[in-house]
N, C-alpha and C. Protein backbone atom coordinates (compact mmCIF):
# COMPACT_ATOMS: atom_id res chain seq x y z
N MET A 1 172.04 43.51 50.36
CA MET A 1 171.97 44.81 49.71
C MET A 1 170.82 45.61 50.28
N ASN A 2 171.06 46.89 50.57
CA ASN A 2 169.98 47.76 51.01
C ASN A 2 168.95 47.86 49.89
N PRO A 3 167.68 47.60 50.17
CA PRO A 3 166.68 47.63 49.10
C PRO A 3 166.56 49.00 48.46
N LEU A 4 166.98 50.06 49.13
CA LEU A 4 166.93 51.38 48.53
C LEU A 4 168.00 51.55 47.45
N ASP A 5 168.98 50.65 47.46
CA ASP A 5 170.05 50.71 46.46
C ASP A 5 169.73 49.91 45.21
N ALA A 6 168.54 49.30 45.15
CA ALA A 6 168.17 48.51 43.97
C ALA A 6 168.19 49.40 42.74
N PRO A 7 168.75 48.92 41.64
CA PRO A 7 168.86 49.77 40.45
C PRO A 7 167.51 50.15 39.89
N ARG A 8 167.39 51.38 39.44
CA ARG A 8 166.17 51.83 38.79
C ARG A 8 166.23 51.44 37.31
N PRO A 9 165.08 51.13 36.71
CA PRO A 9 165.09 50.79 35.29
C PRO A 9 165.46 52.01 34.45
N ALA A 10 166.08 51.74 33.32
CA ALA A 10 166.50 52.83 32.45
C ALA A 10 165.36 53.35 31.59
N THR A 11 164.24 52.64 31.56
CA THR A 11 163.12 53.04 30.72
C THR A 11 162.35 54.18 31.35
N ALA A 12 161.41 54.71 30.62
CA ALA A 12 160.55 55.79 31.12
C ALA A 12 159.65 55.24 32.20
N PRO A 13 158.97 56.12 32.99
CA PRO A 13 158.13 55.65 34.08
C PRO A 13 157.07 54.65 33.65
N THR A 14 156.68 54.65 32.42
CA THR A 14 155.72 53.65 31.95
C THR A 14 156.06 53.27 30.52
N ALA A 15 155.76 52.01 30.17
CA ALA A 15 156.06 51.52 28.84
C ALA A 15 154.89 51.71 27.90
N LEU A 16 153.75 52.24 28.40
CA LEU A 16 152.56 52.40 27.58
C LEU A 16 152.38 53.86 27.21
N ALA A 17 151.75 54.09 26.09
CA ALA A 17 151.47 55.46 25.66
C ALA A 17 150.43 56.09 26.57
N PRO A 18 150.52 57.42 26.82
CA PRO A 18 149.55 58.07 27.69
C PRO A 18 148.12 57.85 27.26
N ALA A 19 147.84 57.84 25.96
CA ALA A 19 146.47 57.64 25.50
C ALA A 19 145.94 56.28 25.92
N ALA A 20 146.80 55.25 25.86
CA ALA A 20 146.37 53.92 26.26
C ALA A 20 146.14 53.85 27.76
N LEU A 21 147.02 54.54 28.53
CA LEU A 21 146.89 54.52 29.97
C LEU A 21 145.58 55.16 30.42
N ALA A 22 145.16 56.22 29.72
CA ALA A 22 143.96 56.93 30.11
C ALA A 22 142.72 56.05 29.99
N LYS A 23 142.78 55.02 29.17
CA LYS A 23 141.64 54.14 28.96
C LYS A 23 141.58 53.01 30.00
N THR A 24 142.55 52.97 30.92
CA THR A 24 142.59 51.91 31.91
C THR A 24 142.51 52.52 33.31
N PRO A 25 141.29 52.82 33.76
CA PRO A 25 141.16 53.45 35.09
C PRO A 25 141.52 52.48 36.20
N LEU A 26 141.92 53.03 37.33
CA LEU A 26 142.22 52.21 38.49
C LEU A 26 140.96 51.62 39.06
N ARG A 27 141.11 50.48 39.75
CA ARG A 27 140.01 49.98 40.57
C ARG A 27 139.60 51.05 41.56
N ALA A 28 138.36 51.00 42.00
CA ALA A 28 137.83 52.04 42.89
C ALA A 28 138.66 52.15 44.17
N ASP A 29 139.05 51.01 44.76
CA ASP A 29 139.81 51.07 46.01
C ASP A 29 141.21 51.63 45.78
N LEU A 30 141.83 51.30 44.65
CA LEU A 30 143.16 51.84 44.36
C LEU A 30 143.10 53.34 44.08
N GLN A 31 142.00 53.80 43.47
CA GLN A 31 141.86 55.24 43.24
C GLN A 31 141.75 55.99 44.55
N LEU A 32 141.02 55.42 45.52
CA LEU A 32 140.91 56.06 46.82
C LEU A 32 142.27 56.11 47.52
N ILE A 33 143.05 55.05 47.38
CA ILE A 33 144.41 55.05 47.94
C ILE A 33 145.25 56.13 47.27
N ALA A 34 145.19 56.20 45.95
CA ALA A 34 145.97 57.20 45.22
C ALA A 34 145.60 58.61 45.66
N ASP A 35 144.33 58.84 45.95
CA ASP A 35 143.88 60.16 46.37
C ASP A 35 144.46 60.56 47.73
N MET A 36 144.93 59.58 48.50
CA MET A 36 145.51 59.88 49.82
C MET A 36 146.99 60.25 49.74
N VAL A 37 147.60 60.09 48.57
CA VAL A 37 149.05 60.28 48.41
C VAL A 37 149.34 61.68 47.89
N ALA A 38 150.20 62.41 48.57
CA ALA A 38 150.55 63.76 48.15
C ALA A 38 151.47 63.72 46.92
N PRO A 39 151.29 64.64 45.98
CA PRO A 39 152.17 64.70 44.80
C PRO A 39 153.64 64.88 45.19
N GLY A 40 154.52 64.26 44.41
CA GLY A 40 155.95 64.42 44.61
C GLY A 40 156.53 63.68 45.79
N SER A 41 155.77 62.79 46.42
CA SER A 41 156.24 62.09 47.61
C SER A 41 157.00 60.82 47.24
N ARG A 42 157.63 60.23 48.25
CA ARG A 42 158.35 58.96 48.09
C ARG A 42 157.43 57.83 48.55
N VAL A 43 157.21 56.86 47.67
CA VAL A 43 156.21 55.82 47.93
C VAL A 43 156.82 54.44 47.78
N LEU A 44 156.52 53.57 48.74
CA LEU A 44 156.83 52.14 48.63
C LEU A 44 155.51 51.39 48.60
N ASP A 45 155.24 50.68 47.51
CA ASP A 45 154.04 49.86 47.39
C ASP A 45 154.43 48.41 47.66
N ILE A 46 153.97 47.89 48.80
CA ILE A 46 154.33 46.54 49.25
C ILE A 46 153.29 45.56 48.73
N GLY A 47 153.74 44.53 48.02
CA GLY A 47 152.79 43.65 47.36
C GLY A 47 152.13 44.38 46.20
N CYS A 48 152.96 44.97 45.34
CA CYS A 48 152.46 45.89 44.32
C CYS A 48 151.84 45.20 43.12
N GLY A 49 151.85 43.86 43.09
CA GLY A 49 151.26 43.15 41.95
C GLY A 49 151.98 43.49 40.67
N GLU A 50 151.21 43.79 39.62
CA GLU A 50 151.80 44.13 38.33
C GLU A 50 152.09 45.62 38.19
N GLY A 51 151.91 46.38 39.28
CA GLY A 51 152.36 47.76 39.30
C GLY A 51 151.36 48.80 38.85
N ALA A 52 150.06 48.46 38.80
CA ALA A 52 149.06 49.41 38.30
C ALA A 52 149.00 50.67 39.15
N LEU A 53 148.98 50.52 40.49
CA LEU A 53 148.91 51.69 41.36
C LEU A 53 150.19 52.52 41.27
N LEU A 54 151.35 51.86 41.32
CA LEU A 54 152.62 52.59 41.24
C LEU A 54 152.73 53.37 39.93
N GLU A 55 152.32 52.74 38.84
CA GLU A 55 152.39 53.40 37.55
C GLU A 55 151.50 54.64 37.53
N TYR A 56 150.31 54.52 38.09
CA TYR A 56 149.39 55.66 38.15
C TYR A 56 149.99 56.79 38.99
N LEU A 57 150.55 56.44 40.16
CA LEU A 57 151.12 57.45 41.05
C LEU A 57 152.31 58.15 40.40
N ALA A 58 153.13 57.39 39.69
CA ALA A 58 154.28 57.98 39.01
C ALA A 58 153.83 58.94 37.91
N ARG A 59 152.77 58.56 37.21
CA ARG A 59 152.31 59.36 36.08
C ARG A 59 151.49 60.58 36.53
N GLU A 60 150.56 60.35 37.46
CA GLU A 60 149.60 61.39 37.82
C GLU A 60 150.05 62.22 39.03
N ARG A 61 150.88 61.65 39.91
CA ARG A 61 151.28 62.36 41.13
C ARG A 61 152.78 62.65 41.18
N SER A 62 153.50 62.22 40.15
CA SER A 62 154.95 62.48 40.07
C SER A 62 155.69 61.99 41.32
N VAL A 63 155.28 60.82 41.83
CA VAL A 63 155.94 60.29 43.02
C VAL A 63 157.23 59.58 42.63
N ALA A 64 158.13 59.45 43.61
CA ALA A 64 159.30 58.58 43.47
C ALA A 64 158.84 57.19 43.87
N ALA A 65 158.56 56.35 42.90
CA ALA A 65 157.84 55.10 43.12
C ALA A 65 158.77 53.92 43.25
N ARG A 66 158.61 53.17 44.31
CA ARG A 66 159.31 51.90 44.52
C ARG A 66 158.30 50.82 44.85
N GLY A 67 158.62 49.58 44.51
CA GLY A 67 157.70 48.49 44.80
C GLY A 67 158.41 47.27 45.35
N MET A 68 157.67 46.48 46.13
CA MET A 68 158.12 45.18 46.60
C MET A 68 157.03 44.17 46.27
N GLU A 69 157.41 43.04 45.71
CA GLU A 69 156.43 42.05 45.30
C GLU A 69 157.01 40.65 45.45
N LEU A 70 156.20 39.72 45.99
CA LEU A 70 156.66 38.36 46.23
C LEU A 70 156.75 37.55 44.95
N SER A 71 155.79 37.73 44.04
CA SER A 71 155.74 36.94 42.81
C SER A 71 156.74 37.44 41.78
N GLN A 72 157.62 36.55 41.32
CA GLN A 72 158.58 36.94 40.30
C GLN A 72 157.88 37.34 39.00
N LYS A 73 156.79 36.68 38.68
CA LYS A 73 156.03 37.02 37.48
C LYS A 73 155.53 38.46 37.55
N ASN A 74 155.01 38.86 38.71
CA ASN A 74 154.52 40.22 38.86
C ASN A 74 155.67 41.24 38.89
N VAL A 75 156.80 40.84 39.47
CA VAL A 75 157.98 41.72 39.43
C VAL A 75 158.36 42.01 37.98
N ASN A 76 158.40 40.96 37.16
CA ASN A 76 158.76 41.13 35.76
C ASN A 76 157.77 42.04 35.04
N ALA A 77 156.47 41.86 35.35
CA ALA A 77 155.45 42.70 34.71
C ALA A 77 155.60 44.16 35.13
N SER A 78 155.94 44.39 36.40
CA SER A 78 156.12 45.76 36.88
C SER A 78 157.33 46.42 36.23
N VAL A 79 158.42 45.68 36.17
CA VAL A 79 159.64 46.21 35.55
C VAL A 79 159.39 46.51 34.07
N ALA A 80 158.57 45.69 33.41
CA ALA A 80 158.23 45.94 32.01
C ALA A 80 157.46 47.25 31.84
N ARG A 81 156.80 47.71 32.89
CA ARG A 81 156.13 49.01 32.87
C ARG A 81 157.10 50.17 33.10
N GLY A 82 158.36 49.85 33.37
CA GLY A 82 159.33 50.88 33.66
C GLY A 82 159.40 51.26 35.12
N LEU A 83 158.94 50.37 36.01
CA LEU A 83 158.90 50.66 37.44
C LEU A 83 160.08 50.03 38.17
N SER A 84 160.45 50.62 39.29
CA SER A 84 161.53 50.10 40.13
C SER A 84 160.92 49.19 41.19
N VAL A 85 160.93 47.89 40.94
CA VAL A 85 160.30 46.90 41.81
C VAL A 85 161.28 45.77 42.08
N ILE A 86 161.39 45.35 43.34
CA ILE A 86 162.24 44.23 43.70
C ILE A 86 161.39 43.11 44.28
N GLN A 87 161.92 41.90 44.22
CA GLN A 87 161.22 40.77 44.83
C GLN A 87 161.49 40.78 46.33
N GLY A 88 160.44 40.63 47.11
CA GLY A 88 160.59 40.65 48.56
C GLY A 88 159.33 40.19 49.26
N ASP A 89 159.49 39.86 50.54
CA ASP A 89 158.41 39.34 51.37
C ASP A 89 158.13 40.34 52.48
N ALA A 90 156.89 40.81 52.57
CA ALA A 90 156.54 41.80 53.60
C ALA A 90 156.81 41.29 55.00
N ASP A 91 156.68 40.00 55.23
CA ASP A 91 156.86 39.44 56.57
C ASP A 91 158.31 39.48 57.03
N SER A 92 159.26 39.46 56.10
CA SER A 92 160.66 39.34 56.50
C SER A 92 161.56 40.46 56.02
N ASP A 93 161.17 41.18 54.97
CA ASP A 93 162.11 42.10 54.32
C ASP A 93 161.91 43.57 54.66
N LEU A 94 160.82 43.94 55.29
CA LEU A 94 160.62 45.35 55.61
C LEU A 94 161.64 45.86 56.63
N VAL A 95 162.17 44.96 57.44
CA VAL A 95 163.17 45.37 58.44
C VAL A 95 164.44 45.90 57.78
N GLU A 96 164.66 45.60 56.49
CA GLU A 96 165.86 46.04 55.80
C GLU A 96 165.81 47.52 55.44
N TYR A 97 164.63 48.12 55.48
CA TYR A 97 164.50 49.53 55.12
C TYR A 97 164.76 50.41 56.33
N PRO A 98 165.47 51.53 56.17
CA PRO A 98 165.69 52.43 57.30
C PRO A 98 164.43 53.17 57.68
N ALA A 99 164.37 53.64 58.92
CA ALA A 99 163.22 54.40 59.41
C ALA A 99 163.07 55.69 58.60
N GLY A 100 161.82 56.01 58.27
CA GLY A 100 161.55 57.25 57.54
C GLY A 100 162.04 57.28 56.12
N ALA A 101 162.24 56.10 55.51
CA ALA A 101 162.77 56.06 54.15
C ALA A 101 161.76 56.55 53.12
N PHE A 102 160.47 56.51 53.47
CA PHE A 102 159.43 56.88 52.52
C PHE A 102 158.42 57.81 53.17
N ASP A 103 157.71 58.55 52.34
CA ASP A 103 156.59 59.35 52.83
C ASP A 103 155.36 58.46 53.05
N TYR A 104 155.19 57.48 52.16
CA TYR A 104 154.04 56.57 52.25
C TYR A 104 154.50 55.13 52.02
N ALA A 105 154.09 54.24 52.90
CA ALA A 105 154.21 52.80 52.67
C ALA A 105 152.80 52.27 52.47
N ILE A 106 152.57 51.60 51.36
CA ILE A 106 151.22 51.17 50.98
C ILE A 106 151.15 49.64 50.95
N LEU A 107 150.06 49.11 51.49
CA LEU A 107 149.80 47.67 51.45
C LEU A 107 148.34 47.49 51.07
N SER A 108 148.09 47.07 49.84
CA SER A 108 146.73 47.01 49.31
C SER A 108 146.23 45.57 49.23
N LEU A 109 145.20 45.26 50.01
CA LEU A 109 144.53 43.95 49.99
C LEU A 109 145.53 42.79 50.15
N THR A 110 146.54 43.00 50.99
CA THR A 110 147.57 41.98 51.19
C THR A 110 147.76 41.64 52.66
N LEU A 111 147.34 42.52 53.57
CA LEU A 111 147.58 42.32 54.99
C LEU A 111 147.09 40.97 55.47
N GLN A 112 145.91 40.56 55.01
CA GLN A 112 145.30 39.31 55.47
C GLN A 112 146.06 38.07 55.00
N ALA A 113 146.98 38.24 54.05
CA ALA A 113 147.78 37.12 53.55
C ALA A 113 149.15 37.05 54.21
N THR A 114 149.46 37.99 55.11
CA THR A 114 150.76 37.96 55.78
C THR A 114 150.72 37.05 57.00
N ARG A 115 151.90 36.56 57.40
CA ARG A 115 151.97 35.66 58.56
C ARG A 115 151.88 36.41 59.88
N ASN A 116 152.38 37.64 59.91
CA ASN A 116 152.38 38.44 61.14
C ASN A 116 151.91 39.85 60.82
N PRO A 117 150.59 40.05 60.68
CA PRO A 117 150.09 41.36 60.25
C PRO A 117 150.43 42.49 61.20
N ARG A 118 150.47 42.22 62.51
CA ARG A 118 150.81 43.29 63.44
C ARG A 118 152.21 43.82 63.17
N GLU A 119 153.17 42.92 63.03
CA GLU A 119 154.56 43.35 62.77
C GLU A 119 154.67 44.08 61.44
N VAL A 120 153.93 43.62 60.44
CA VAL A 120 153.96 44.28 59.13
C VAL A 120 153.48 45.72 59.25
N VAL A 121 152.37 45.93 59.95
CA VAL A 121 151.84 47.29 60.13
C VAL A 121 152.82 48.15 60.92
N GLU A 122 153.42 47.59 61.96
CA GLU A 122 154.39 48.36 62.75
C GLU A 122 155.62 48.73 61.92
N GLN A 123 156.05 47.83 61.05
CA GLN A 123 157.18 48.15 60.17
C GLN A 123 156.79 49.24 59.17
N MET A 124 155.56 49.21 58.70
CA MET A 124 155.11 50.20 57.72
C MET A 124 155.14 51.62 58.29
N VAL A 125 154.66 51.77 59.54
CA VAL A 125 154.66 53.12 60.13
C VAL A 125 156.07 53.52 60.61
N ARG A 126 156.99 52.56 60.63
CA ARG A 126 158.39 52.88 60.95
C ARG A 126 159.10 53.42 59.71
N ILE A 127 158.92 52.76 58.59
CA ILE A 127 159.66 53.14 57.38
C ILE A 127 158.96 54.24 56.59
N GLY A 128 157.66 54.47 56.86
CA GLY A 128 156.93 55.52 56.16
C GLY A 128 156.40 56.56 57.13
N ARG A 129 156.42 57.83 56.73
CA ARG A 129 155.80 58.87 57.55
C ARG A 129 154.30 58.62 57.68
N HIS A 130 153.73 58.00 56.64
CA HIS A 130 152.34 57.56 56.66
C HIS A 130 152.29 56.14 56.11
N ALA A 131 151.33 55.38 56.56
CA ALA A 131 151.09 54.04 56.00
C ALA A 131 149.64 53.99 55.53
N ILE A 132 149.41 53.37 54.38
CA ILE A 132 148.06 53.19 53.85
C ILE A 132 147.83 51.68 53.71
N VAL A 133 146.82 51.19 54.41
CA VAL A 133 146.53 49.77 54.45
C VAL A 133 145.08 49.55 54.03
N SER A 134 144.85 48.62 53.11
CA SER A 134 143.48 48.23 52.76
C SER A 134 143.34 46.73 52.91
N PHE A 135 142.12 46.29 53.22
CA PHE A 135 141.87 44.86 53.42
C PHE A 135 140.39 44.58 53.23
N PRO A 136 140.04 43.32 52.88
CA PRO A 136 138.63 42.94 52.84
C PRO A 136 138.07 42.84 54.25
N ASN A 137 136.88 43.36 54.45
CA ASN A 137 136.27 43.41 55.77
C ASN A 137 135.46 42.14 56.05
N PHE A 138 135.93 41.34 56.99
CA PHE A 138 135.24 40.10 57.34
C PHE A 138 133.99 40.36 58.18
N GLY A 139 133.77 41.62 58.55
CA GLY A 139 132.57 41.96 59.31
C GLY A 139 131.39 42.37 58.45
N HIS A 140 131.55 42.34 57.12
CA HIS A 140 130.47 42.75 56.22
C HIS A 140 129.23 41.87 56.41
N TRP A 141 128.08 42.46 56.18
CA TRP A 141 126.83 41.75 56.50
C TRP A 141 126.65 40.47 55.68
N ARG A 142 127.15 40.44 54.43
CA ARG A 142 127.02 39.21 53.64
C ARG A 142 127.86 38.08 54.23
N VAL A 143 129.03 38.42 54.75
CA VAL A 143 129.88 37.43 55.40
C VAL A 143 129.18 36.88 56.64
N ARG A 144 128.63 37.77 57.44
CA ARG A 144 127.92 37.35 58.66
C ARG A 144 126.73 36.47 58.31
N LEU A 145 126.01 36.86 57.25
CA LEU A 145 124.80 36.12 56.88
C LEU A 145 125.14 34.71 56.41
N GLN A 146 126.22 34.57 55.63
CA GLN A 146 126.60 33.23 55.16
C GLN A 146 127.00 32.34 56.33
N LEU A 147 127.73 32.90 57.28
CA LEU A 147 128.10 32.12 58.46
C LEU A 147 126.87 31.74 59.27
N LEU A 148 125.92 32.67 59.41
CA LEU A 148 124.73 32.43 60.22
C LEU A 148 123.80 31.40 59.58
N LEU A 149 123.54 31.54 58.29
CA LEU A 149 122.55 30.70 57.64
C LEU A 149 123.12 29.38 57.12
N LYS A 150 124.35 29.41 56.61
CA LYS A 150 124.93 28.22 56.01
C LYS A 150 125.92 27.51 56.94
N GLY A 151 126.46 28.24 57.90
CA GLY A 151 127.43 27.63 58.80
C GLY A 151 128.72 27.25 58.11
N ARG A 152 129.05 27.95 57.02
CA ARG A 152 130.26 27.64 56.27
C ARG A 152 131.07 28.92 56.05
N MET A 153 132.36 28.76 55.80
CA MET A 153 133.21 29.92 55.54
C MET A 153 132.72 30.65 54.30
N PRO A 154 132.55 31.96 54.39
CA PRO A 154 131.94 32.72 53.30
C PRO A 154 132.83 32.80 52.06
N VAL A 155 132.16 32.91 50.91
CA VAL A 155 132.80 33.23 49.64
C VAL A 155 132.07 34.43 49.08
N THR A 156 132.79 35.54 48.92
CA THR A 156 132.19 36.77 48.41
C THR A 156 133.09 37.32 47.31
N GLU A 157 132.70 38.47 46.74
CA GLU A 157 133.52 39.09 45.71
C GLU A 157 134.88 39.49 46.26
N ALA A 158 134.90 39.98 47.48
CA ALA A 158 136.17 40.41 48.09
C ALA A 158 136.96 39.24 48.67
N LEU A 159 136.28 38.15 48.99
CA LEU A 159 136.92 36.94 49.54
C LEU A 159 136.48 35.77 48.66
N SER A 160 137.09 35.68 47.49
CA SER A 160 136.52 34.86 46.42
C SER A 160 136.94 33.39 46.43
N GLU A 161 137.97 33.02 47.20
CA GLU A 161 138.42 31.63 47.19
C GLU A 161 137.78 30.84 48.32
N PRO A 162 137.54 29.53 48.10
CA PRO A 162 137.06 28.70 49.22
C PRO A 162 138.14 28.58 50.29
N TRP A 163 137.75 28.21 51.48
CA TRP A 163 138.66 28.23 52.63
C TRP A 163 139.91 27.38 52.42
N TYR A 164 139.81 26.31 51.64
CA TYR A 164 140.94 25.40 51.48
C TYR A 164 141.92 25.87 50.39
N GLU A 165 141.59 26.94 49.68
CA GLU A 165 142.49 27.45 48.65
C GLU A 165 142.90 28.90 48.88
N THR A 166 142.28 29.56 49.85
CA THR A 166 142.52 30.99 50.02
C THR A 166 143.91 31.30 50.56
N PRO A 167 144.54 32.37 50.07
CA PRO A 167 145.79 32.83 50.67
C PRO A 167 145.56 33.67 51.92
N ASN A 168 144.29 33.96 52.22
CA ASN A 168 143.95 34.82 53.35
C ASN A 168 143.98 34.02 54.65
N ILE A 169 145.02 34.25 55.44
CA ILE A 169 145.19 33.45 56.66
C ILE A 169 144.90 34.23 57.93
N HIS A 170 144.78 35.58 57.81
CA HIS A 170 144.50 36.41 58.98
C HIS A 170 143.39 37.40 58.63
N LEU A 171 142.18 36.90 58.51
CA LEU A 171 141.05 37.77 58.21
C LEU A 171 140.69 38.61 59.42
N CYS A 172 140.24 39.84 59.16
CA CYS A 172 139.86 40.71 60.27
C CYS A 172 138.69 41.59 59.84
N THR A 173 138.12 42.28 60.80
CA THR A 173 137.04 43.23 60.54
C THR A 173 137.56 44.65 60.71
N VAL A 174 136.74 45.61 60.32
CA VAL A 174 137.10 47.01 60.51
C VAL A 174 137.36 47.30 61.98
N ARG A 175 136.51 46.79 62.86
CA ARG A 175 136.67 47.06 64.29
C ARG A 175 137.90 46.35 64.86
N ASP A 176 138.23 45.17 64.32
CA ASP A 176 139.47 44.49 64.72
C ASP A 176 140.68 45.36 64.40
N PHE A 177 140.67 45.95 63.20
CA PHE A 177 141.84 46.74 62.79
C PHE A 177 141.96 48.01 63.62
N ILE A 178 140.83 48.63 63.94
CA ILE A 178 140.86 49.81 64.80
C ILE A 178 141.48 49.45 66.16
N ALA A 179 141.08 48.28 66.69
CA ALA A 179 141.63 47.83 67.97
C ALA A 179 143.13 47.57 67.87
N LEU A 180 143.58 46.99 66.75
CA LEU A 180 145.01 46.74 66.55
C LEU A 180 145.79 48.05 66.56
N CYS A 181 145.28 49.05 65.87
CA CYS A 181 145.96 50.34 65.85
C CYS A 181 146.07 50.92 67.26
N GLY A 182 145.01 50.78 68.05
CA GLY A 182 145.05 51.25 69.42
C GLY A 182 146.10 50.52 70.24
N ASP A 183 146.18 49.20 70.08
CA ASP A 183 147.16 48.41 70.82
C ASP A 183 148.59 48.78 70.45
N CYS A 184 148.80 49.18 69.19
CA CYS A 184 150.15 49.47 68.70
C CYS A 184 150.52 50.95 68.86
N GLY A 185 149.61 51.77 69.36
CA GLY A 185 149.89 53.19 69.47
C GLY A 185 150.00 53.87 68.12
N ILE A 186 149.16 53.44 67.18
CA ILE A 186 149.18 53.98 65.82
C ILE A 186 147.96 54.88 65.63
N GLU A 187 148.20 56.07 65.12
CA GLU A 187 147.11 57.02 64.89
C GLU A 187 146.44 56.76 63.55
N ILE A 188 145.11 56.75 63.54
CA ILE A 188 144.34 56.63 62.31
C ILE A 188 144.07 58.04 61.80
N GLU A 189 144.72 58.43 60.70
CA GLU A 189 144.54 59.76 60.13
C GLU A 189 143.28 59.86 59.29
N GLU A 190 142.96 58.81 58.58
CA GLU A 190 141.79 58.80 57.71
C GLU A 190 141.38 57.35 57.50
N ALA A 191 140.08 57.12 57.38
CA ALA A 191 139.60 55.76 57.14
C ALA A 191 138.34 55.82 56.29
N LEU A 192 138.27 54.92 55.31
CA LEU A 192 137.12 54.85 54.42
C LEU A 192 136.72 53.39 54.26
N VAL A 193 135.46 53.17 53.98
CA VAL A 193 135.01 51.84 53.59
C VAL A 193 134.38 51.94 52.22
N LEU A 194 134.43 50.84 51.50
CA LEU A 194 133.95 50.79 50.12
C LEU A 194 133.02 49.59 50.00
N ASN A 195 131.85 49.81 49.42
CA ASN A 195 130.96 48.68 49.20
C ASN A 195 130.96 48.30 47.73
N GLY A 196 130.18 47.30 47.37
CA GLY A 196 130.22 46.76 46.02
C GLY A 196 129.80 47.73 44.94
N ARG A 197 129.08 48.78 45.31
CA ARG A 197 128.65 49.78 44.33
C ARG A 197 129.60 50.97 44.30
N ALA A 198 130.77 50.79 44.88
CA ALA A 198 131.82 51.82 44.88
C ALA A 198 131.41 53.05 45.67
N HIS A 199 130.50 52.92 46.61
CA HIS A 199 130.20 54.02 47.52
C HIS A 199 131.25 54.06 48.61
N ARG A 200 131.49 55.23 49.13
CA ARG A 200 132.48 55.37 50.18
C ARG A 200 131.84 56.03 51.39
N ALA A 201 132.38 55.70 52.55
CA ALA A 201 131.88 56.28 53.79
C ALA A 201 133.03 56.38 54.77
N SER A 202 132.90 57.27 55.75
CA SER A 202 133.93 57.42 56.76
C SER A 202 133.63 56.52 57.94
N LEU A 203 134.52 56.58 58.94
CA LEU A 203 134.33 55.77 60.14
C LEU A 203 133.71 56.59 61.28
N ASN A 204 132.92 57.60 60.93
CA ASN A 204 132.23 58.35 61.97
C ASN A 204 131.29 57.45 62.77
N THR A 205 130.77 56.43 62.12
CA THR A 205 129.94 55.41 62.78
C THR A 205 130.58 54.05 62.51
N PRO A 206 131.55 53.64 63.32
CA PRO A 206 132.32 52.42 63.04
C PRO A 206 131.46 51.16 62.91
N HIS A 207 130.39 51.06 63.69
CA HIS A 207 129.58 49.84 63.63
C HIS A 207 128.88 49.71 62.28
N LEU A 208 128.47 50.84 61.68
CA LEU A 208 127.85 50.79 60.36
C LEU A 208 128.89 50.52 59.27
N ALA A 209 130.06 51.16 59.40
CA ALA A 209 131.14 50.90 58.45
C ALA A 209 131.53 49.43 58.48
N ASN A 210 131.57 48.85 59.66
CA ASN A 210 131.93 47.45 59.82
C ASN A 210 130.88 46.53 59.21
N LEU A 211 129.63 46.97 59.23
CA LEU A 211 128.53 46.15 58.74
C LEU A 211 128.38 46.23 57.23
N PHE A 212 128.59 47.42 56.66
CA PHE A 212 128.29 47.63 55.24
C PHE A 212 129.52 47.77 54.34
N GLY A 213 130.70 47.87 54.90
CA GLY A 213 131.90 48.02 54.08
C GLY A 213 132.48 46.68 53.65
N GLU A 214 132.64 46.49 52.35
CA GLU A 214 133.28 45.26 51.85
C GLU A 214 134.80 45.35 51.94
N LYS A 215 135.32 46.55 51.71
CA LYS A 215 136.76 46.80 51.81
C LYS A 215 136.97 48.03 52.66
N ALA A 216 138.07 48.05 53.40
CA ALA A 216 138.40 49.20 54.24
C ALA A 216 139.77 49.73 53.86
N ILE A 217 139.94 51.06 53.95
CA ILE A 217 141.20 51.71 53.64
C ILE A 217 141.54 52.64 54.80
N PHE A 218 142.73 52.46 55.37
CA PHE A 218 143.18 53.26 56.50
C PHE A 218 144.47 53.98 56.16
N ARG A 219 144.54 55.26 56.49
CA ARG A 219 145.82 55.98 56.43
C ARG A 219 146.28 56.20 57.85
N LEU A 220 147.52 55.78 58.13
CA LEU A 220 148.02 55.71 59.50
C LEU A 220 149.32 56.47 59.66
N ARG A 221 149.66 56.77 60.90
CA ARG A 221 151.00 57.21 61.23
C ARG A 221 151.28 56.84 62.68
N LYS A 222 152.56 56.77 63.01
CA LYS A 222 152.93 56.42 64.37
C LYS A 222 152.56 57.55 65.31
N ASP A 223 151.83 57.24 66.37
CA ASP A 223 151.37 58.25 67.31
C ASP A 223 152.56 58.77 68.11
C-alpha cells in the first residue's frame, strides 16, 4: 500500500483540550524545528515518537501532518492524539514515498540510530522539498573531554546510554554532517546548534559550533 493512502483518523487533530496543550511546551530543539516549517505545508515526521512535534505543527502551523514510527506503542500513542501515523522503518520504507510528496521531511534525533544514514538523508531530500535533520553532536567538548581523560565512550545528557545499550550506531559530529551533505550534493539552507542552556548559534563558525553544540539542526534541500 502506498503510505500516502494510509487512512486518516476520524478524530480531531488532537485529543487534548487547547488549554491543556498550552501548558506542555515543546522541547527546545523541537521548537527550533517547528520554527523552520512554513504554515499550511505538508509534513512527514519520520520517527515521530508519540507525536508531540506533529501535534504542535498541526495545531499551531495548520500543516497536513503525517508520521512514520517504528515503535507500535508510539504509533498507538500518536493515533490517540488524532494524528495520521503509520508504523514504518526509515531505513527501508522511505523508498515507498513518491518524489516531492511533502514540503518537509523531518528526522529528529533519529539519524544516528539508522543503519544507513546517508541513504536516509538522500531519501528525505527526494520525498521532501526540504528536509530537517537533528542529531546529537559527538564533537561536543564534553564528549571529547571524556574520551581524552577517561578513555571510555562518553555518556552525556544527549547521549545518555552506555555503549553496550545505546541505539546510536552511527554517531557523527557537526563537521561530519556538513561533509556528508557536500558529498551528496545537498544544500544546507539553515543550520543551528543548541547547547544545554538552550542557547542557539549558527554555523558561521563551524569549528565553534562543533565544539560547543550538544545538538545540531539542519534544514536541507537537494542542490
